[in-house]
Amino acid sequence: MTNVVQNFIDESIKIKNNHISAYSKFLIKEDLHTPRSLDNEVTDSTIAPFSEKLMVFHTGFLMTAAISYYGTAAVACMRGDLTLSCEKSIMADFKVYGAFGKLVIKKNWLEEPPAANDRQLL
């Protein structure tokens, strides 16, 4: 795996681990159970089972899904502390998602960002 892709995935994992830690603290504070970790489901193989392109696009998709979920939670939640945490999570995800866009363009996996037709020229 190239360094650029590895750095992107490492940064994504770091951000998500921070989110898991932050939201787990809310659950523990309220004496609720935290979801179990799936770390034992991850293989210890050093050979990537999937292509870089697939892993990067899947990571980007998960980032957009997380942004959507945090946004929904922020609007539906009546607790200010949780809403603030959701907003912080969204901002952290946007930072990484920007790197995703630059990475896929740099690797020529996406020629240019999707854009609307110029209606004045039509």
PDB file of N, CA and C in Angstrom:
ATOM      1  N   MET A   1       0.848  -1.162   0.000  1.00  0.00           N
ATOM      2  CA  MET A   1       0.000   0.000   0.000  1.00  0.00           C
ATOM      3  C   MET A   1       0.900   1.234   0.000  1.00  0.00           C
ATOM      4  N   THR A   2       0.546   2.211  -0.801  1.00  0.00           N
ATOM      5  CA  THR A   2       1.367   3.415  -0.879  1.00  0.00           C
ATOM      6  C   THR A   2       1.240   4.235   0.404  1.00  0.00           C
ATOM      7  N   ASN A   3       2.233   5.070   0.639  1.00  0.00           N
ATOM      8  CA  ASN A   3       2.248   5.882   1.860  1.00  0.00           C
ATOM      9  C   ASN A   3       1.063   6.831   1.946  1.00  0.00           C
ATOM     10  N   VAL A   4       0.666   7.412   0.815  1.00  0.00           N
ATOM     11  CA  VAL A   4      -0.437   8.370   0.816  1.00  0.00           C
ATOM     12  C   VAL A   4      -1.730   7.680   1.240  1.00  0.00           C
ATOM     13  N   VAL A   5      -1.981   6.516   0.673  1.00  0.00           N
ATOM     14  CA  VAL A   5      -3.186   5.759   1.017  1.00  0.00           C
ATOM     15  C   VAL A   5      -3.114   5.298   2.468  1.00  0.00           C
ATOM     16  N   GLN A   6      -1.956   4.801   2.880  1.00  0.00           N
ATOM     17  CA  GLN A   6      -1.786   4.341   4.258  1.00  0.00           C
ATOM     18  C   GLN A   6      -2.022   5.481   5.248  1.00  0.00           C
ATOM     19  N   ASN A   7      -1.488   6.663   4.941  1.00  0.00           N
ATOM     20  CA  ASN A   7      -1.687   7.821   5.817  1.00  0.00           C
ATOM     21  C   ASN A   7      -3.154   8.213   5.899  1.00  0.00           C
ATOM     22  N   PHE A   8      -3.855   8.173   4.755  1.00  0.00           N
ATOM     23  CA  PHE A   8      -5.280   8.506   4.741  1.00  0.00           C
ATOM     24  C   PHE A   8      -6.073   7.526   5.603  1.00  0.00           C
ATOM     25  N   ILE A   9      -5.822   6.252   5.441  1.00  0.00           N
ATOM     26  CA  ILE A   9      -6.553   5.246   6.216  1.00  0.00           C
ATOM     27  C   ILE A   9      -6.185   5.336   7.695  1.00  0.00           C
ATOM     28  N   ASP A  10      -4.915   5.548   8.001  1.00  0.00           N
ATOM     29  CA  ASP A  10      -4.496   5.704   9.401  1.00  0.00           C
ATOM     30  C   ASP A  10      -5.172   6.907  10.056  1.00  0.00           C
ATOM     31  N   GLU A  11      -5.232   8.021   9.331  1.00  0.00           N
ATOM     32  CA  GLU A  11      -5.891   9.221   9.862  1.00  0.00           C
ATOM     33  C   GLU A  11      -7.382   8.968  10.076  1.00  0.00           C
ATOM     34  N   SER A  12      -8.005   8.250   9.155  1.00  0.00           N
ATOM     35  CA  SER A  12      -9.423   7.915   9.295  1.00  0.00           C
ATOM     36  C   SER A  12      -9.660   7.047  10.523  1.00  0.00           C
ATOM     37  N   ILE A  13      -8.809   6.067  10.726  1.00  0.00           N
ATOM     38  CA  ILE A  13      -8.936   5.183  11.891  1.00  0.00           C
ATOM     39  C   ILE A  13      -8.737   5.975  13.180  1.00  0.00           C
ATOM     40  N   LYS A  14      -7.762   6.870  13.179  1.00  0.00           N
ATOM     41  CA  LYS A  14      -7.491   7.686  14.370  1.00  0.00           C
ATOM     42  C   LYS A  14      -8.710   8.536  14.730  1.00  0.00           C
ATOM     43  N   ILE A  15      -9.300   9.179  13.733  1.00  0.00           N
ATOM     44  CA  ILE A  15     -10.477  10.021  13.961  1.00  0.00           C
ATOM     45  C   ILE A  15     -11.633   9.177  14.489  1.00  0.00           C
ATOM     46  N   LYS A  16     -11.870   8.039  13.879  1.00  0.00           N
ATOM     47  CA  LYS A  16     -12.985   7.185  14.314  1.00  0.00           C
ATOM     48  C   LYS A  16     -12.755   6.625  15.712  1.00  0.00           C
ATOM     49  N   ASN A  17     -11.519   6.290  16.057  1.00  0.00           N
ATOM     50  CA  ASN A  17     -11.232   5.829  17.420  1.00  0.00           C
ATOM     51  C   ASN A  17     -11.502   6.938  18.436  1.00  0.00           C
ATOM     52  N   ASN A  18     -11.193   8.181  18.065  1.00  0.00           N
ATOM     53  CA  ASN A  18     -11.514   9.315  18.938  1.00  0.00           C
ATOM     54  C   ASN A  18     -13.020   9.446  19.124  1.00  0.00           C
ATOM     55  N   HIS A  19     -13.777   9.251  18.049  1.00  0.00           N
ATOM     56  CA  HIS A  19     -15.233   9.338  18.139  1.00  0.00           C
ATOM     57  C   HIS A  19     -15.788   8.224  19.021  1.00  0.00           C
ATOM     58  N   ILE A  20     -15.290   7.016  18.830  1.00  0.00           N
ATOM     59  CA  ILE A  20     -15.751   5.884  19.643  1.00  0.00           C
ATOM     60  C   ILE A  20     -15.482   6.159  21.116  1.00  0.00           C
ATOM     61  N   SER A  21     -14.305   6.668  21.404  1.00  0.00           N
ATOM     62  CA  SER A  21     -13.944   6.984  22.788  1.00  0.00           C
ATOM     63  C   SER A  21     -14.859   8.064  23.366  1.00  0.00           C
ATOM     64  N   ALA A  22     -15.107   9.113  22.597  1.00  0.00           N
ATOM     65  CA  ALA A  22     -15.939  10.222  23.075  1.00  0.00           C
ATOM     66  C   ALA A  22     -17.365   9.769  23.363  1.00  0.00           C
ATOM     67  N   TYR A  23     -17.960   9.005  22.450  1.00  0.00           N
ATOM     68  CA  TYR A  23     -19.345   8.584  22.646  1.00  0.00           C
ATOM     69  C   TYR A  23     -19.459   7.469  23.682  1.00  0.00           C
ATOM     70  N   SER A  24     -18.426   6.665  23.835  1.00  0.00           N
ATOM     71  CA  SER A  24     -18.428   5.642  24.884  1.00  0.00           C
ATOM     72  C   SER A  24     -18.443   6.293  26.260  1.00  0.00           C
ATOM     73  N   LYS A  25     -17.762   7.426  26.400  1.00  0.00           N
ATOM     74  CA  LYS A  25     -17.758   8.137  27.683  1.00  0.00           C
ATOM     75  C   LYS A  25     -19.165   8.585  28.068  1.00  0.00           C
ATOM     76  N   PHE A  26     -19.950   9.032  27.084  1.00  0.00           N
ATOM     77  CA  PHE A  26     -21.336   9.416  27.365  1.00  0.00           C
ATOM     78  C   PHE A  26     -22.130   8.215  27.877  1.00  0.00           C
ATOM     79  N   LEU A  27     -21.952   7.070  27.231  1.00  0.00           N
ATOM     80  CA  LEU A  27     -22.687   5.871  27.639  1.00  0.00           C
ATOM     81  C   LEU A  27     -22.268   5.409  29.032  1.00  0.00           C
ATOM     82  N   ILE A  28     -20.976   5.389  29.287  1.00  0.00           N
ATOM     83  CA  ILE A  28     -20.474   4.946  30.588  1.00  0.00           C
ATOM     84  C   ILE A  28     -20.958   5.884  31.695  1.00  0.00           C
ATOM     85  N   LYS A  29     -20.962   7.180  31.411  1.00  0.00           N
ATOM     86  CA  LYS A  29     -21.422   8.164  32.395  1.00  0.00           C
ATOM     87  C   LYS A  29     -22.884   7.923  32.778  1.00  0.00           C
ATOM     88  N   GLU A  30     -23.678   7.439  31.839  1.00  0.00           N
ATOM     89  CA  GLU A  30     -25.099   7.173  32.086  1.00  0.00           C
ATOM     90  C   GLU A  30     -25.351   5.723  32.495  1.00  0.00           C
ATOM     91  N   ASP A  31     -24.284   4.991  32.825  1.00  0.00           N
ATOM     92  CA  ASP A  31     -24.370   3.574  33.222  1.00  0.00           C
ATOM     93  C   ASP A  31     -25.029   2.704  32.155  1.00  0.00           C
ATOM     94  N   LEU A  32     -24.687   2.963  30.915  1.00  0.00           N
ATOM     95  CA  LEU A  32     -25.185   2.161  29.797  1.00  0.00           C
ATOM     96  C   LEU A  32     -24.033   1.353  29.215  1.00  0.00           C
ATOM     97  N   HIS A  33     -24.370   0.250  28.590  1.00  0.00           N
ATOM     98  CA  HIS A  33     -23.345  -0.605  27.995  1.00  0.00           C
ATOM     99  C   HIS A  33     -22.824   0.016  26.704  1.00  0.00           C
ATOM    100  N   THR A  34     -21.552  -0.163  26.480  1.00  0.00           N
ATOM    101  CA  THR A  34     -20.957   0.270  25.216  1.00  0.00           C
ATOM    102  C   THR A  34     -20.974  -0.910  24.250  1.00  0.00           C
ATOM    103  N   PRO A  35     -21.095  -0.640  22.957  1.00  0.00           N
ATOM    104  CA  PRO A  35     -21.055  -1.745  21.986  1.00  0.00           C
ATOM    105  C   PRO A  35     -19.710  -2.453  22.044  1.00  0.00           C
ATOM    106  N   ARG A  36     -19.735  -3.733  21.787  1.00  0.00           N
ATOM    107  CA  ARG A  36     -18.479  -4.482  21.835  1.00  0.00           C
ATOM    108  C   ARG A  36     -17.623  -4.131  20.622  1.00  0.00           C
ATOM    109  N   SER A  37     -16.344  -4.213  20.820  1.00  0.00           N
ATOM    110  CA  SER A  37     -15.389  -3.913  19.764  1.00  0.00           C
ATOM    111  C   SER A  37     -15.310  -5.084  18.788  1.00  0.00           C
ATOM    112  N   LEU A  38     -15.086  -4.774  17.546  1.00  0.00           N
ATOM    113  CA  LEU A  38     -14.921  -5.813  16.527  1.00  0.00           C
ATOM    114  C   LEU A  38     -13.454  -6.020  16.182  1.00  0.00           C
ATOM    115  N   ASP A  39     -12.566  -5.563  17.053  1.00  0.00           N
ATOM    116  CA  ASP A  39     -11.132  -5.698  16.797  1.00  0.00           C
ATOM    117  C   ASP A  39     -10.708  -7.146  16.612  1.00  0.00           C
ATOM    118  N   ASN A  40     -11.375  -8.067  17.301  1.00  0.00           N
ATOM    119  CA  ASN A  40     -10.995  -9.480  17.162  1.00  0.00           C
ATOM    120  C   ASN A  40     -11.431 -10.068  15.826  1.00  0.00           C
ATOM    121  N   GLU A  41     -12.242  -9.344  15.071  1.00  0.00           N
ATOM    122  CA  GLU A  41     -12.680  -9.802  13.756  1.00  0.00           C
ATOM    123  C   GLU A  41     -11.679  -9.424  12.659  1.00  0.00           C
ATOM    124  N   VAL A  42     -10.736  -8.566  12.986  1.00  0.00           N
ATOM    125  CA  VAL A  42      -9.760  -8.092  12.006  1.00  0.00           C
ATOM    126  C   VAL A  42      -8.617  -9.097  11.912  1.00  0.00           C
ATOM    127  N   THR A  43      -8.253  -9.428  10.700  1.00  0.00           N
ATOM    128  CA  THR A  43      -7.166 -10.377  10.486  1.00  0.00           C
ATOM    129  C   THR A  43      -5.811  -9.727  10.768  1.00  0.00           C
ATOM    130  N   ASP A  44      -4.843 -10.536  11.136  1.00  0.00           N
ATOM    131  CA  ASP A  44      -3.499 -10.006  11.376  1.00  0.00           C
ATOM    132  C   ASP A  44      -2.595 -10.187  10.152  1.00  0.00           C
ATOM    133  N   SER A  45      -3.205 -10.436   9.014  1.00  0.00           N
ATOM    134  CA  SER A  45      -2.461 -10.611   7.773  1.00  0.00           C
ATOM    135  C   SER A  45      -1.773  -9.305   7.378  1.00  0.00           C
ATOM    136  N   THR A  46      -0.605  -9.421   6.800  1.00  0.00           N
ATOM    137  CA  THR A  46       0.113  -8.232   6.323  1.00  0.00           C
ATOM    138  C   THR A  46      -0.117  -7.995   4.834  1.00  0.00           C
ATOM    139  N   ILE A  47      -0.871  -8.883   4.199  1.00  0.00           N
ATOM    140  CA  ILE A  47      -1.191  -8.749   2.780  1.00  0.00           C
ATOM    141  C   ILE A  47      -2.615  -8.208   2.667  1.00  0.00           C
ATOM    142  N   ALA A  48      -2.760  -7.087   1.979  1.00  0.00           N
ATOM    143  CA  ALA A  48      -4.079  -6.470   1.840  1.00  0.00           C
ATOM    144  C   ALA A  48      -5.000  -7.371   1.021  1.00  0.00           C
ATOM    145  N   PRO A  49      -6.183  -7.707   1.553  1.00  0.00           N
ATOM    146  CA  PRO A  49      -7.104  -8.567   0.818  1.00  0.00           C
ATOM    147  C   PRO A  49      -7.858  -7.832  -0.297  1.00  0.00           C
ATOM    148  N   PHE A  50      -7.867  -6.508  -0.251  1.00  0.00           N
ATOM    149  CA  PHE A  50      -8.600  -5.715  -1.232  1.00  0.00           C
ATOM    150  C   PHE A  50      -7.669  -4.679  -1.855  1.00  0.00           C
ATOM    151  N   SER A  51      -8.083  -4.136  -2.972  1.00  0.00           N
ATOM    152  CA  SER A  51      -7.267  -3.123  -3.648  1.00  0.00           C
ATOM    153  C   SER A  51      -7.297  -1.809  -2.866  1.00  0.00           C
ATOM    154  N   GLU A  52      -6.271  -0.996  -3.095  1.00  0.00           N
ATOM    155  CA  GLU A  52      -6.217   0.331  -2.472  1.00  0.00           C
ATOM    156  C   GLU A  52      -7.451   1.146  -2.837  1.00  0.00           C
ATOM    157  N   LYS A  53      -7.821   1.072  -4.084  1.00  0.00           N
ATOM    158  CA  LYS A  53      -8.948   1.861  -4.571  1.00  0.00           C
ATOM    159  C   LYS A  53     -10.224   1.498  -3.827  1.00  0.00           C
ATOM    160  N   LEU A  54     -10.488   0.212  -3.666  1.00  0.00           N
ATOM    161  CA  LEU A  54     -11.690  -0.228  -2.965  1.00  0.00           C
ATOM    162  C   LEU A  54     -11.664   0.224  -1.508  1.00  0.00           C
ATOM    163  N   MET A  55     -10.526   0.076  -0.851  1.00  0.00           N
ATOM    164  CA  MET A  55     -10.434   0.459   0.562  1.00  0.00           C
ATOM    165  C   MET A  55     -10.604   1.963   0.745  1.00  0.00           C
ATOM    166  N   VAL A  56     -10.029   2.756  -0.155  1.00  0.00           N
ATOM    167  CA  VAL A  56     -10.148   4.211  -0.052  1.00  0.00           C
ATOM    168  C   VAL A  56     -11.588   4.644  -0.306  1.00  0.00           C
ATOM    169  N   PHE A  57     -12.219   4.110  -1.340  1.00  0.00           N
ATOM    170  CA  PHE A  57     -13.599   4.494  -1.624  1.00  0.00           C
ATOM    171  C   PHE A  57     -14.547   4.030  -0.522  1.00  0.00           C
ATOM    172  N   HIS A  58     -14.303   2.867   0.043  1.00  0.00           N
ATOM    173  CA  HIS A  58     -15.137   2.387   1.142  1.00  0.00           C
ATOM    174  C   HIS A  58     -14.965   3.289   2.367  1.00  0.00           C
ATOM    175  N   THR A  59     -13.738   3.690   2.645  1.00  0.00           N
ATOM    176  CA  THR A  59     -13.483   4.600   3.761  1.00  0.00           C
ATOM    177  C   THR A  59     -14.178   5.940   3.524  1.00  0.00           C
ATOM    178  N   GLY A  60     -14.110   6.451   2.304  1.00  0.00           N
ATOM    179  CA  GLY A  60     -14.797   7.696   1.966  1.00  0.00           C
ATOM    180  C   GLY A  60     -16.301   7.575   2.116  1.00  0.00           C
ATOM    181  N   PHE A  61     -16.858   6.439   1.687  1.00  0.00           N
ATOM    182  CA  PHE A  61     -18.295   6.213   1.842  1.00  0.00           C
ATOM    183  C   PHE A  61     -18.681   6.198   3.317  1.00  0.00           C
ATOM    184  N   LEU A  62     -17.882   5.519   4.141  1.00  0.00           N
ATOM    185  CA  LEU A  62     -18.179   5.463   5.573  1.00  0.00           C
ATOM    186  C   LEU A  62     -18.089   6.842   6.218  1.00  0.00           C
ATOM    187  N   MET A  63     -17.186   7.675   5.727  1.00  0.00           N
ATOM    188  CA  MET A  63     -17.086   9.047   6.239  1.00  0.00           C
ATOM    189  C   MET A  63     -18.370   9.825   5.939  1.00  0.00           C
ATOM    190  N   THR A  64     -18.867   9.716   4.707  1.00  0.00           N
ATOM    191  CA  THR A  64     -20.093  10.447   4.364  1.00  0.00           C
ATOM    192  C   THR A  64     -21.280   9.908   5.147  1.00  0.00           C
ATOM    193  N   ALA A  65     -21.332   8.603   5.352  1.00  0.00           N
ATOM    194  CA  ALA A  65     -22.415   8.022   6.147  1.00  0.00           C
ATOM    195  C   ALA A  65     -22.347   8.539   7.582  1.00  0.00           C
ATOM    196  N   ALA A  66     -21.148   8.596   8.144  1.00  0.00           N
ATOM    197  CA  ALA A  66     -20.984   9.085   9.518  1.00  0.00           C
ATOM    198  C   ALA A  66     -21.405  10.547   9.627  1.00  0.00           C
ATOM    199  N   ILE A  67     -21.029  11.362   8.645  1.00  0.00           N
ATOM    200  CA  ILE A  67     -21.422  12.775   8.662  1.00  0.00           C
ATOM    201  C   ILE A  67     -22.941  12.887   8.663  1.00  0.00           C
ATOM    202  N   SER A  68     -23.594  12.080   7.857  1.00  0.00           N
ATOM    203  CA  SER A  68     -25.053  12.084   7.803  1.00  0.00           C
ATOM    204  C   SER A  68     -25.665  11.655   9.135  1.00  0.00           C
ATOM    205  N   TYR A  69     -25.124  10.601   9.731  1.00  0.00           N
ATOM    206  CA  TYR A  69     -25.647  10.109  11.012  1.00  0.00           C
ATOM    207  C   TYR A  69     -25.441  11.132  12.127  1.00  0.00           C
ATOM    208  N   TYR A  70     -24.264  11.742  12.166  1.00  0.00           N
ATOM    209  CA  TYR A  70     -24.002  12.750  13.198  1.00  0.00           C
ATOM    210  C   TYR A  70     -24.925  13.954  13.016  1.00  0.00           C
ATOM    211  N   GLY A  71     -25.170  14.342  11.775  1.00  0.00           N
ATOM    212  CA  GLY A  71     -26.076  15.457  11.519  1.00  0.00           C
ATOM    213  C   GLY A  71     -27.488  15.157  11.976  1.00  0.00           C
ATOM    214  N   THR A  72     -27.959  13.954  11.687  1.00  0.00           N
ATOM    215  CA  THR A  72     -29.293  13.545  12.127  1.00  0.00           C
ATOM    216  C   THR A  72     -29.364  13.510  13.648  1.00  0.00           C
ATOM    217  N   ALA A  73     -28.329  12.970  14.277  1.00  0.00           N
ATOM    218  CA  ALA A  73     -28.308  12.896  15.740  1.00  0.00           C
ATOM    219  C   ALA A  73     -28.279  14.291  16.362  1.00  0.00           C
ATOM    220  N   ALA A  74     -27.528  15.200  15.748  1.00  0.00           N
ATOM    221  CA  ALA A  74     -27.421  16.554  16.297  1.00  0.00           C
ATOM    222  C   ALA A  74     -28.767  17.266  16.288  1.00  0.00           C
ATOM    223  N   VAL A  75     -29.551  17.077  15.224  1.00  0.00           N
ATOM    224  CA  VAL A  75     -30.841  17.761  15.151  1.00  0.00           C
ATOM    225  C   VAL A  75     -31.890  17.092  16.021  1.00  0.00           C
ATOM    226  N   ALA A  76     -31.796  15.798  16.179  1.00  0.00           N
ATOM    227  CA  ALA A  76     -32.811  15.070  16.937  1.00  0.00           C
ATOM    228  C   ALA A  76     -32.548  15.071  18.443  1.00  0.00           C
ATOM    229  N   CYS A  77     -31.333  15.348  18.846  1.00  0.00           N
ATOM    230  CA  CYS A  77     -30.949  15.252  20.259  1.00  0.00           C
ATOM    231  C   CYS A  77     -31.352  16.509  21.021  1.00  0.00           C
ATOM    232  N   MET A  78     -31.825  16.311  22.235  1.00  0.00           N
ATOM    233  CA  MET A  78     -32.200  17.449  23.076  1.00  0.00           C
ATOM    234  C   MET A  78     -31.123  17.790  24.098  1.00  0.00           C
ATOM    235  N   ARG A  79     -30.026  17.062  24.073  1.00  0.00           N
ATOM    236  CA  ARG A  79     -28.927  17.322  25.004  1.00  0.00           C
ATOM    237  C   ARG A  79     -27.861  18.152  24.300  1.00  0.00           C
ATOM    238  N   GLY A  80     -27.562  19.278  24.876  1.00  0.00           N
ATOM    239  CA  GLY A  80     -26.576  20.169  24.277  1.00  0.00           C
ATOM    240  C   GLY A  80     -25.187  19.566  24.198  1.00  0.00           C
ATOM    241  N   ASP A  81     -24.807  18.774  25.203  1.00  0.00           N
ATOM    242  CA  ASP A  81     -23.469  18.188  25.193  1.00  0.00           C
ATOM    243  C   ASP A  81     -23.310  17.167  24.071  1.00  0.00           C
ATOM    244  N   LEU A  82     -24.361  16.396  23.809  1.00  0.00           N
ATOM    245  CA  LEU A  82     -24.294  15.429  22.707  1.00  0.00           C
ATOM    246  C   LEU A  82     -24.316  16.131  21.352  1.00  0.00           C
ATOM    247  N   THR A  83     -25.129  17.176  21.256  1.00  0.00           N
ATOM    248  CA  THR A  83     -25.189  17.937  20.008  1.00  0.00           C
ATOM    249  C   THR A  83     -23.826  18.551  19.688  1.00  0.00           C
ATOM    250  N   LEU A  84     -23.180  19.108  20.694  1.00  0.00           N
ATOM    251  CA  LEU A  84     -21.851  19.687  20.497  1.00  0.00           C
ATOM    252  C   LEU A  84     -20.850  18.622  20.066  1.00  0.00           C
ATOM    253  N   SER A  85     -20.931  17.454  20.680  1.00  0.00           N
ATOM    254  CA  SER A  85     -20.032  16.358  20.313  1.00  0.00           C
ATOM    255  C   SER A  85     -20.271  15.916  18.867  1.00  0.00           C
ATOM    256  N   CYS A  86     -21.539  15.878  18.457  1.00  0.00           N
ATOM    257  CA  CYS A  86     -21.856  15.524  17.068  1.00  0.00           C
ATOM    258  C   CYS A  86     -21.270  16.546  16.102  1.00  0.00           C
ATOM    259  N   GLU A  87     -21.392  17.818  16.442  1.00  0.00           N
ATOM    260  CA  GLU A  87     -20.851  18.868  15.579  1.00  0.00           C
ATOM    261  C   GLU A  87     -19.328  18.766  15.471  1.00  0.00           C
ATOM    262  N   LYS A  88     -18.670  18.475  16.581  1.00  0.00           N
ATOM    263  CA  LYS A  88     -17.214  18.297  16.549  1.00  0.00           C
ATOM    264  C   LYS A  88     -16.837  17.106  15.672  1.00  0.00           C
ATOM    265  N   SER A  89     -17.624  16.039  15.774  1.00  0.00           N
ATOM    266  CA  SER A  89     -17.355  14.848  14.966  1.00  0.00           C
ATOM    267  C   SER A  89     -17.530  15.142  13.483  1.00  0.00           C
ATOM    268  N   ILE A  90     -18.555  15.913  13.156  1.00  0.00           N
ATOM    269  CA  ILE A  90     -18.788  16.283  11.758  1.00  0.00           C
ATOM    270  C   ILE A  90     -17.600  17.078  11.215  1.00  0.00           C
ATOM    271  N   MET A  91     -17.123  18.036  11.991  1.00  0.00           N
ATOM    272  CA  MET A  91     -15.997  18.855  11.533  1.00  0.00           C
ATOM    273  C   MET A  91     -14.734  18.017  11.351  1.00  0.00           C
ATOM    274  N   ALA A  92     -14.494  17.080  12.262  1.00  0.00           N
ATOM    275  CA  ALA A  92     -13.319  16.202  12.128  1.00  0.00           C
ATOM    276  C   ALA A  92     -13.442  15.336  10.878  1.00  0.00           C
ATOM    277  N   ASP A  93     -14.666  14.839  10.616  1.00  0.00           N
ATOM    278  CA  ASP A  93     -14.881  14.006   9.435  1.00  0.00           C
ATOM    279  C   ASP A  93     -14.728  14.804   8.145  1.00  0.00           C
ATOM    280  N   PHE A  94     -15.198  16.050   8.140  1.00  0.00           N
ATOM    281  CA  PHE A  94     -15.038  16.880   6.945  1.00  0.00           C
ATOM    282  C   PHE A  94     -13.566  17.101   6.618  1.00  0.00           C
ATOM    283  N   LYS A  95     -12.751  17.246   7.640  1.00  0.00           N
ATOM    284  CA  LYS A  95     -11.313  17.431   7.422  1.00  0.00           C
ATOM    285  C   LYS A  95     -10.728  16.215   6.699  1.00  0.00           C
ATOM    286  N   VAL A  96     -11.071  15.028   7.167  1.00  0.00           N
ATOM    287  CA  VAL A  96     -10.567  13.798   6.547  1.00  0.00           C
ATOM    288  C   VAL A  96     -11.214  13.595   5.179  1.00  0.00           C
ATOM    289  N   TYR A  97     -12.496  13.952   5.048  1.00  0.00           N
ATOM    290  CA  TYR A  97     -13.183  13.773   3.774  1.00  0.00           C
ATOM    291  C   TYR A  97     -12.577  14.662   2.687  1.00  0.00           C
ATOM    292  N   GLY A  98     -12.082  15.837   3.065  1.00  0.00           N
ATOM    293  CA  GLY A  98     -11.374  16.689   2.107  1.00  0.00           C
ATOM    294  C   GLY A  98     -10.124  16.005   1.582  1.00  0.00           C
ATOM    295  N   ALA A  99      -9.429  15.319   2.473  1.00  0.00           N
ATOM    296  CA  ALA A  99      -8.237  14.561   2.060  1.00  0.00           C
ATOM    297  C   ALA A  99      -8.628  13.418   1.133  1.00  0.00           C
ATOM    298  N   PHE A 100      -9.802  12.836   1.354  1.00  0.00           N
ATOM    299  CA  PHE A 100     -10.305  11.768   0.483  1.00  0.00           C
ATOM    300  C   PHE A 100     -10.477  12.291  -0.941  1.00  0.00           C
ATOM    301  N   GLY A 101     -11.116  13.440  -1.077  1.00  0.00           N
ATOM    302  CA  GLY A 101     -11.325  14.021  -2.401  1.00  0.00           C
ATOM    303  C   GLY A 101     -10.018  14.296  -3.128  1.00  0.00           C
ATOM    304  N   LYS A 102      -9.066  14.878  -2.416  1.00  0.00           N
ATOM    305  CA  LYS A 102      -7.767  15.167  -3.027  1.00  0.00           C
ATOM    306  C   LYS A 102      -7.041  13.884  -3.420  1.00  0.00           C
ATOM    307  N   LEU A 103      -7.166  12.848  -2.579  1.00  0.00           N
ATOM    308  CA  LEU A 103      -6.478  11.584  -2.847  1.00  0.00           C
ATOM    309  C   LEU A 103      -7.022  10.900  -4.096  1.00  0.00           C
ATOM    310  N   VAL A 104      -8.349  10.821  -4.228  1.00  0.00           N
ATOM    311  CA  VAL A 104      -8.900  10.114  -5.391  1.00  0.00           C
ATOM    312  C   VAL A 104      -8.644  10.877  -6.684  1.00  0.00           C
ATOM    313  N   ILE A 105      -8.575  12.202  -6.617  1.00  0.00           N
ATOM    314  CA  ILE A 105      -8.237  12.976  -7.813  1.00  0.00           C
ATOM    315  C   ILE A 105      -6.757  12.791  -8.149  1.00  0.00           C
ATOM    316  N   LYS A 106      -5.896  12.825  -7.131  1.00  0.00           N
ATOM    317  CA  LYS A 106      -4.456  12.646  -7.349  1.00  0.00           C
ATOM    318  C   LYS A 106      -4.150  11.280  -7.959  1.00  0.00           C
ATOM    319  N   LYS A 107      -4.873  10.246  -7.527  1.00  0.00           N
ATOM    320  CA  LYS A 107      -4.650   8.886  -8.020  1.00  0.00           C
ATOM    321  C   LYS A 107      -5.360   8.630  -9.355  1.00  0.00           C
ATOM    322  N   ASN A 108      -6.067   9.643  -9.879  1.00  0.00           N
ATOM    323  CA  ASN A 108      -6.845   9.527 -11.121  1.00  0.00           C
ATOM    324  C   ASN A 108      -7.962   8.495 -11.013  1.00  0.00           C
ATOM    325  N   TRP A 109      -8.493   8.328  -9.819  1.00  0.00           N
ATOM    326  CA  TRP A 109      -9.639   7.446  -9.621  1.00  0.00           C
ATOM    327  C   TRP A 109     -10.936   8.219  -9.831  1.00  0.00           C
ATOM    328  N   LEU A 110     -10.832   9.532  -9.807  1.00  0.00           N
ATOM    329  CA  LEU A 110     -11.954  10.419 -10.078  1.00  0.00           C
ATOM    330  C   LEU A 110     -11.376  11.574 -10.869  1.00  0.00           C
ATOM    331  N   GLU A 111     -11.866  11.762 -12.075  1.00  0.00           N
ATOM    332  CA  GLU A 111     -11.267  12.771 -12.942  1.00  0.00           C
ATOM    333  C   GLU A 111     -11.454  14.177 -12.405  1.00  0.00           C
ATOM    334  N   GLU A 112     -12.657  14.491 -11.983  1.00  0.00           N
ATOM    335  CA  GLU A 112     -12.938  15.791 -11.393  1.00  0.00           C
ATOM    336  C   GLU A 112     -14.187  15.646 -10.544  1.00  0.00           C
ATOM    337  N   PRO A 113     -14.363  16.530  -9.589  1.00  0.00           N
ATOM    338  CA  PRO A 113     -15.560  16.432  -8.750  1.00  0.00           C
ATOM    339  C   PRO A 113     -16.817  16.602  -9.597  1.00  0.00           C
ATOM    340  N   PRO A 114     -17.888  15.900  -9.243  1.00  0.00           N
ATOM    341  CA  PRO A 114     -19.140  16.059  -9.981  1.00  0.00           C
ATOM    342  C   PRO A 114     -19.597  17.517  -9.949  1.00  0.00           C
ATOM    343  N   ALA A 115     -20.112  17.992 -11.076  1.00  0.00           N
ATOM    344  CA  ALA A 115     -20.568  19.378 -11.168  1.00  0.00           C
ATOM    345  C   ALA A 115     -21.823  19.437 -12.030  1.00  0.00           C
ATOM    346  N   ALA A 116     -22.606  20.476 -11.835  1.00  0.00           N
ATOM    347  CA  ALA A 116     -23.811  20.683 -12.636  1.00  0.00           C
ATOM    348  C   ALA A 116     -23.439  21.368 -13.948  1.00  0.00           C
ATOM    349  N   ASN A 117     -24.258  21.157 -14.955  1.00  0.00           N
ATOM    350  CA  ASN A 117     -24.053  21.838 -16.238  1.00  0.00           C
ATOM    351  C   ASN A 117     -24.283  23.337 -16.063  1.00  0.00           C
ATOM    352  N   ASP A 118     -23.545  24.124 -16.824  1.00  0.00           N
ATOM    353  CA  ASP A 118     -23.728  25.574 -16.797  1.00  0.00           C
ATOM    354  C   ASP A 118     -24.986  25.897 -17.586  1.00  0.00           C
ATOM    355  N   ARG A 119     -26.034  26.259 -16.899  1.00  0.00           N
ATOM    356  CA  ARG A 119     -27.341  26.494 -17.532  1.00  0.00           C
ATOM    357  C   ARG A 119     -27.343  27.718 -18.444  1.00  0.00           C
ATOM    358  N   GLN A 120     -26.457  28.660 -18.203  1.00  0.00           N
ATOM    359  CA  GLN A 120     -26.417  29.855 -19.045  1.00  0.00           C
ATOM    360  C   GLN A 120     -25.861  29.533 -20.428  1.00  0.00           C
ATOM    361  N   LEU A 121     -24.978  28.534 -20.507  1.00  0.00           N
ATOM    362  CA  LEU A 121     -24.430  28.141 -21.805  1.00  0.00           C
ATOM    363  C   LEU A 121     -25.423  27.307 -22.607  1.00  0.00           C
ATOM    364  N   LEU A 122     -26.348  26.659 -21.935  1.00  0.00           N
ATOM    365  CA  LEU A 122     -27.334  25.837 -22.643  1.00  0.00           C
ATOM    366  C   LEU A 122     -28.352  26.730 -23.240  1.00  0.00           C
TER     367      LEU A 122
END
